[in-house]
Amino acid sequence: MSANESQKQWRDVLGMLKLQGEKLDFSYLRTWANVLGIAPELLTALDEAGLSILDEAGLSIFSSI
């Protein structure tokens, strides 16, 4: 895969996260990110998409990652 293809895929992921936002099942995403070994990438994507990963108490919803 070329760098351009990889960048396009990353932009696609960010676009999907921004579009779906709070409709996403974060528990499901966390579970599969752990299974697939991509939890750090998921956290980065959520951050870059501007999605809060903090609950009402200010604790990370991904504290187990």
PDB file of N, CA and C in Angstrom:
ATOM      1  N   MET A   1       0.844  -1.169   0.000  1.00  0.00           N
ATOM      2  CA  MET A   1       0.000   0.000   0.000  1.00  0.00           C
ATOM      3  C   MET A   1       0.895   1.240   0.000  1.00  0.00           C
ATOM      4  N   SER A   2       0.553   2.187  -0.827  1.00  0.00           N
ATOM      5  CA  SER A   2       1.351   3.400  -0.928  1.00  0.00           C
ATOM      6  C   SER A   2       1.004   4.358   0.205  1.00  0.00           C
ATOM      7  N   ALA A   3       1.859   5.344   0.402  1.00  0.00           N
ATOM      8  CA  ALA A   3       1.609   6.358   1.426  1.00  0.00           C
ATOM      9  C   ALA A   3       0.337   7.134   1.120  1.00  0.00           C
ATOM     10  N   ASN A   4       0.078   7.401  -0.159  1.00  0.00           N
ATOM     11  CA  ASN A   4      -1.136   8.117  -0.540  1.00  0.00           C
ATOM     12  C   ASN A   4      -2.394   7.321  -0.214  1.00  0.00           C
ATOM     13  N   GLU A   5      -2.345   6.013  -0.481  1.00  0.00           N
ATOM     14  CA  GLU A   5      -3.487   5.155  -0.168  1.00  0.00           C
ATOM     15  C   GLU A   5      -3.724   5.116   1.338  1.00  0.00           C
ATOM     16  N   SER A   6      -2.650   5.009   2.093  1.00  0.00           N
ATOM     17  CA  SER A   6      -2.743   4.964   3.543  1.00  0.00           C
ATOM     18  C   SER A   6      -3.308   6.267   4.101  1.00  0.00           C
ATOM     19  N   GLN A   7      -2.874   7.397   3.575  1.00  0.00           N
ATOM     20  CA  GLN A   7      -3.389   8.696   4.018  1.00  0.00           C
ATOM     21  C   GLN A   7      -4.871   8.831   3.684  1.00  0.00           C
ATOM     22  N   LYS A   8      -5.260   8.338   2.522  1.00  0.00           N
ATOM     23  CA  LYS A   8      -6.670   8.403   2.132  1.00  0.00           C
ATOM     24  C   LYS A   8      -7.516   7.557   3.080  1.00  0.00           C
ATOM     25  N   GLN A   9      -7.029   6.381   3.431  1.00  0.00           N
ATOM     26  CA  GLN A   9      -7.768   5.528   4.356  1.00  0.00           C
ATOM     27  C   GLN A   9      -7.905   6.194   5.722  1.00  0.00           C
ATOM     28  N   TRP A  10      -6.835   6.852   6.181  1.00  0.00           N
ATOM     29  CA  TRP A  10      -6.882   7.542   7.464  1.00  0.00           C
ATOM     30  C   TRP A  10      -7.914   8.675   7.415  1.00  0.00           C
ATOM     31  N   ARG A  11      -7.926   9.429   6.317  1.00  0.00           N
ATOM     32  CA  ARG A  11      -8.921  10.497   6.159  1.00  0.00           C
ATOM     33  C   ARG A  11     -10.330   9.926   6.132  1.00  0.00           C
ATOM     34  N   ASP A  12     -10.497   8.763   5.510  1.00  0.00           N
ATOM     35  CA  ASP A  12     -11.810   8.110   5.483  1.00  0.00           C
ATOM     36  C   ASP A  12     -12.261   7.736   6.894  1.00  0.00           C
ATOM     37  N   VAL A  13     -11.353   7.202   7.687  1.00  0.00           N
ATOM     38  CA  VAL A  13     -11.661   6.835   9.074  1.00  0.00           C
ATOM     39  C   VAL A  13     -12.074   8.078   9.855  1.00  0.00           C
ATOM     40  N   LEU A  14     -11.291   9.147   9.736  1.00  0.00           N
ATOM     41  CA  LEU A  14     -11.614  10.383  10.452  1.00  0.00           C
ATOM     42  C   LEU A  14     -12.958  10.945  10.006  1.00  0.00           C
ATOM     43  N   GLY A  15     -13.230  10.887   8.717  1.00  0.00           N
ATOM     44  CA  GLY A  15     -14.509  11.365   8.202  1.00  0.00           C
ATOM     45  C   GLY A  15     -15.677  10.585   8.768  1.00  0.00           C
ATOM     46  N   MET A  16     -15.534   9.281   8.838  1.00  0.00           N
ATOM     47  CA  MET A  16     -16.589   8.433   9.391  1.00  0.00           C
ATOM     48  C   MET A  16     -16.804   8.743  10.869  1.00  0.00           C
ATOM     49  N   LEU A  17     -15.714   8.904  11.611  1.00  0.00           N
ATOM     50  CA  LEU A  17     -15.829   9.215  13.035  1.00  0.00           C
ATOM     51  C   LEU A  17     -16.516  10.563  13.243  1.00  0.00           C
ATOM     52  N   LYS A  18     -16.134  11.554  12.438  1.00  0.00           N
ATOM     53  CA  LYS A  18     -16.740  12.883  12.569  1.00  0.00           C
ATOM     54  C   LYS A  18     -18.219  12.850  12.204  1.00  0.00           C
ATOM     55  N   LEU A  19     -18.564  12.101  11.181  1.00  0.00           N
ATOM     56  CA  LEU A  19     -19.950  12.031  10.716  1.00  0.00           C
ATOM     57  C   LEU A  19     -20.840  11.299  11.716  1.00  0.00           C
ATOM     58  N   GLN A  20     -20.366  10.185  12.219  1.00  0.00           N
ATOM     59  CA  GLN A  20     -21.180   9.361  13.123  1.00  0.00           C
ATOM     60  C   GLN A  20     -21.113   9.850  14.572  1.00  0.00           C
ATOM     61  N   GLY A  21     -19.973  10.396  14.953  1.00  0.00           N
ATOM     62  CA  GLY A  21     -19.800  10.983  16.278  1.00  0.00           C
ATOM     63  C   GLY A  21     -20.333  10.148  17.423  1.00  0.00           C
ATOM     64  N   GLU A  22     -21.206  10.776  18.204  1.00  0.00           N
ATOM     65  CA  GLU A  22     -21.712  10.152  19.422  1.00  0.00           C
ATOM     66  C   GLU A  22     -22.661   8.982  19.153  1.00  0.00           C
ATOM     67  N   LYS A  23     -23.005   8.728  17.910  1.00  0.00           N
ATOM     68  CA  LYS A  23     -23.856   7.580  17.574  1.00  0.00           C
ATOM     69  C   LYS A  23     -23.086   6.263  17.668  1.00  0.00           C
ATOM     70  N   LEU A  24     -21.753   6.362  17.707  1.00  0.00           N
ATOM     71  CA  LEU A  24     -20.916   5.174  17.707  1.00  0.00           C
ATOM     72  C   LEU A  24     -21.006   4.419  19.030  1.00  0.00           C
ATOM     73  N   ASP A  25     -20.843   3.116  18.963  1.00  0.00           N
ATOM     74  CA  ASP A  25     -20.811   2.267  20.145  1.00  0.00           C
ATOM     75  C   ASP A  25     -19.348   2.162  20.587  1.00  0.00           C
ATOM     76  N   PHE A  26     -18.966   3.037  21.517  1.00  0.00           N
ATOM     77  CA  PHE A  26     -17.567   3.106  21.926  1.00  0.00           C
ATOM     78  C   PHE A  26     -17.095   1.843  22.638  1.00  0.00           C
ATOM     79  N   SER A  27     -17.995   1.181  23.330  1.00  0.00           N
ATOM     80  CA  SER A  27     -17.636  -0.070  23.992  1.00  0.00           C
ATOM     81  C   SER A  27     -17.260  -1.130  22.953  1.00  0.00           C
ATOM     82  N   TYR A  28     -18.047  -1.207  21.907  1.00  0.00           N
ATOM     83  CA  TYR A  28     -17.772  -2.149  20.815  1.00  0.00           C
ATOM     84  C   TYR A  28     -16.447  -1.810  20.142  1.00  0.00           C
ATOM     85  N   LEU A  29     -16.229  -0.526  19.872  1.00  0.00           N
ATOM     86  CA  LEU A  29     -14.968  -0.111  19.244  1.00  0.00           C
ATOM     87  C   LEU A  29     -13.776  -0.448  20.124  1.00  0.00           C
ATOM     88  N   ARG A  30     -13.908  -0.182  21.435  1.00  0.00           N
ATOM     89  CA  ARG A  30     -12.815  -0.479  22.366  1.00  0.00           C
ATOM     90  C   ARG A  30     -12.505  -1.968  22.371  1.00  0.00           C
ATOM     91  N   THR A  31     -13.559  -2.786  22.446  1.00  0.00           N
ATOM     92  CA  THR A  31     -13.362  -4.233  22.482  1.00  0.00           C
ATOM     93  C   THR A  31     -12.594  -4.717  21.256  1.00  0.00           C
ATOM     94  N   TRP A  32     -13.047  -4.327  20.074  1.00  0.00           N
ATOM     95  CA  TRP A  32     -12.407  -4.805  18.852  1.00  0.00           C
ATOM     96  C   TRP A  32     -11.035  -4.170  18.625  1.00  0.00           C
ATOM     97  N   ALA A  33     -10.850  -2.951  19.068  1.00  0.00           N
ATOM     98  CA  ALA A  33      -9.523  -2.335  18.963  1.00  0.00           C
ATOM     99  C   ALA A  33      -8.524  -3.131  19.790  1.00  0.00           C
ATOM    100  N   ASN A  34      -8.949  -3.591  20.970  1.00  0.00           N
ATOM    101  CA  ASN A  34      -8.068  -4.424  21.795  1.00  0.00           C
ATOM    102  C   ASN A  34      -7.801  -5.771  21.146  1.00  0.00           C
ATOM    103  N   VAL A  35      -8.847  -6.403  20.624  1.00  0.00           N
ATOM    104  CA  VAL A  35      -8.689  -7.707  19.976  1.00  0.00           C
ATOM    105  C   VAL A  35      -7.732  -7.612  18.790  1.00  0.00           C
ATOM    106  N   LEU A  36      -7.875  -6.548  18.004  1.00  0.00           N
ATOM    107  CA  LEU A  36      -7.065  -6.386  16.798  1.00  0.00           C
ATOM    108  C   LEU A  36      -5.696  -5.743  17.053  1.00  0.00           C
ATOM    109  N   GLY A  37      -5.488  -5.297  18.276  1.00  0.00           N
ATOM    110  CA  GLY A  37      -4.201  -4.689  18.620  1.00  0.00           C
ATOM    111  C   GLY A  37      -4.019  -3.287  18.052  1.00  0.00           C
ATOM    112  N   ILE A  38      -5.130  -2.572  17.879  1.00  0.00           N
ATOM    113  CA  ILE A  38      -5.043  -1.222  17.309  1.00  0.00           C
ATOM    114  C   ILE A  38      -5.614  -0.160  18.245  1.00  0.00           C
ATOM    115  N   ALA A  39      -5.631  -0.445  19.537  1.00  0.00           N
ATOM    116  CA  ALA A  39      -6.188   0.502  20.506  1.00  0.00           C
ATOM    117  C   ALA A  39      -5.505   1.865  20.441  1.00  0.00           C
ATOM    118  N   PRO A  40      -4.173   1.940  20.363  1.00  0.00           N
ATOM    119  CA  PRO A  40      -3.543   3.263  20.283  1.00  0.00           C
ATOM    120  C   PRO A  40      -3.978   4.042  19.041  1.00  0.00           C
ATOM    121  N   GLU A  41      -4.134   3.351  17.931  1.00  0.00           N
ATOM    122  CA  GLU A  41      -4.571   4.001  16.700  1.00  0.00           C
ATOM    123  C   GLU A  41      -6.007   4.509  16.833  1.00  0.00           C
ATOM    124  N   LEU A  42      -6.863   3.736  17.511  1.00  0.00           N
ATOM    125  CA  LEU A  42      -8.237   4.176  17.729  1.00  0.00           C
ATOM    126  C   LEU A  42      -8.261   5.446  18.565  1.00  0.00           C
ATOM    127  N   LEU A  43      -7.482   5.479  19.632  1.00  0.00           N
ATOM    128  CA  LEU A  43      -7.431   6.674  20.474  1.00  0.00           C
ATOM    129  C   LEU A  43      -6.956   7.881  19.677  1.00  0.00           C
ATOM    130  N   THR A  44      -5.953   7.688  18.840  1.00  0.00           N
ATOM    131  CA  THR A  44      -5.448   8.779  18.001  1.00  0.00           C
ATOM    132  C   THR A  44      -6.525   9.259  17.042  1.00  0.00           C
ATOM    133  N   ALA A  45      -7.217   8.329  16.422  1.00  0.00           N
ATOM    134  CA  ALA A  45      -8.275   8.690  15.466  1.00  0.00           C
ATOM    135  C   ALA A  45      -9.398   9.457  16.161  1.00  0.00           C
ATOM    136  N   LEU A  46      -9.816   8.993  17.321  1.00  0.00           N
ATOM    137  CA  LEU A  46     -10.873   9.685  18.057  1.00  0.00           C
ATOM    138  C   LEU A  46     -10.434  11.100  18.431  1.00  0.00           C
ATOM    139  N   ASP A  47      -9.203  11.222  18.863  1.00  0.00           N
ATOM    140  CA  ASP A  47      -8.674  12.539  19.218  1.00  0.00           C
ATOM    141  C   ASP A  47      -8.633  13.460  18.001  1.00  0.00           C
ATOM    142  N   GLU A  48      -8.108  12.951  16.886  1.00  0.00           N
ATOM    143  CA  GLU A  48      -8.014  13.760  15.672  1.00  0.00           C
ATOM    144  C   GLU A  48      -9.394  14.117  15.106  1.00  0.00           C
ATOM    145  N   ALA A  49     -10.380  13.266  15.367  1.00  0.00           N
ATOM    146  CA  ALA A  49     -11.738  13.538  14.900  1.00  0.00           C
ATOM    147  C   ALA A  49     -12.473  14.496  15.835  1.00  0.00           C
ATOM    148  N   GLY A  50     -11.837  14.823  16.956  1.00  0.00           N
ATOM    149  CA  GLY A  50     -12.432  15.767  17.896  1.00  0.00           C
ATOM    150  C   GLY A  50     -13.506  15.165  18.781  1.00  0.00           C
ATOM    151  N   LEU A  51     -13.476  13.843  18.937  1.00  0.00           N
ATOM    152  CA  LEU A  51     -14.462  13.183  19.787  1.00  0.00           C
ATOM    153  C   LEU A  51     -13.926  13.069  21.204  1.00  0.00           C
ATOM    154  N   SER A  52     -14.759  13.420  22.155  1.00  0.00           N
ATOM    155  CA  SER A  52     -14.370  13.327  23.553  1.00  0.00           C
ATOM    156  C   SER A  52     -14.323  11.865  23.967  1.00  0.00           C
ATOM    157  N   ILE A  53     -13.262  11.503  24.641  1.00  0.00           N
ATOM    158  CA  ILE A  53     -13.172  10.146  25.166  1.00  0.00           C
ATOM    159  C   ILE A  53     -13.281  10.178  26.686  1.00  0.00           C
ATOM    160  N   LEU A  54     -13.860  11.278  27.209  1.00  0.00           N
ATOM    161  CA  LEU A  54     -14.037  11.415  28.649  1.00  0.00           C
ATOM    162  C   LEU A  54     -15.510  11.290  29.005  1.00  0.00           C
ATOM    163  N   ASP A  55     -15.768  10.636  30.117  1.00  0.00           N
ATOM    164  CA  ASP A  55     -17.145  10.537  30.585  1.00  0.00           C
ATOM    165  C   ASP A  55     -17.490  11.764  31.419  1.00  0.00           C
ATOM    166  N   GLU A  56     -18.654  11.762  32.027  1.00  0.00           N
ATOM    167  CA  GLU A  56     -19.120  12.914  32.789  1.00  0.00           C
ATOM    168  C   GLU A  56     -18.187  13.247  33.949  1.00  0.00           C
ATOM    169  N   ALA A  57     -17.485  12.258  34.493  1.00  0.00           N
ATOM    170  CA  ALA A  57     -16.581  12.466  35.623  1.00  0.00           C
ATOM    171  C   ALA A  57     -15.181  12.886  35.164  1.00  0.00           C
ATOM    172  N   GLY A  58     -14.992  12.996  33.854  1.00  0.00           N
ATOM    173  CA  GLY A  58     -13.688  13.376  33.336  1.00  0.00           C
ATOM    174  C   GLY A  58     -12.715  12.227  33.214  1.00  0.00           C
ATOM    175  N   LEU A  59     -13.224  11.002  33.308  1.00  0.00           N
ATOM    176  CA  LEU A  59     -12.374   9.815  33.193  1.00  0.00           C
ATOM    177  C   LEU A  59     -12.475   9.251  31.784  1.00  0.00           C
ATOM    178  N   SER A  60     -11.385   8.715  31.297  1.00  0.00           N
ATOM    179  CA  SER A  60     -11.359   8.177  29.943  1.00  0.00           C
ATOM    180  C   SER A  60     -12.286   6.964  29.839  1.00  0.00           C
ATOM    181  N   ILE A  61     -13.106   6.972  28.786  1.00  0.00           N
ATOM    182  CA  ILE A  61     -13.961   5.797  28.553  1.00  0.00           C
ATOM    183  C   ILE A  61     -13.130   4.621  28.050  1.00  0.00           C
ATOM    184  N   PHE A  62     -11.852   4.890  27.757  1.00  0.00           N
ATOM    185  CA  PHE A  62     -10.936   3.850  27.293  1.00  0.00           C
ATOM    186  C   PHE A  62      -9.861   3.566  28.322  1.00  0.00           C
ATOM    187  N   SER A  63     -10.188   3.694  29.593  1.00  0.00           N
ATOM    188  CA  SER A  63      -9.182   3.529  30.647  1.00  0.00           C
ATOM    189  C   SER A  63      -8.553   2.148  30.640  1.00  0.00           C
ATOM    190  N   SER A  64      -9.243   1.170  30.091  1.00  0.00           N
ATOM    191  CA  SER A  64      -8.682  -0.188  30.069  1.00  0.00           C
ATOM    192  C   SER A  64      -7.751  -0.413  28.887  1.00  0.00           C
ATOM    193  N   ILE A  65      -7.597   0.572  28.007  1.00  0.00           N
ATOM    194  CA  ILE A  65      -6.709   0.414  26.851  1.00  0.00           C
ATOM    195  C   ILE A  65      -5.300   0.702  27.284  1.00  0.00           C
TER     196      ILE A  65
END
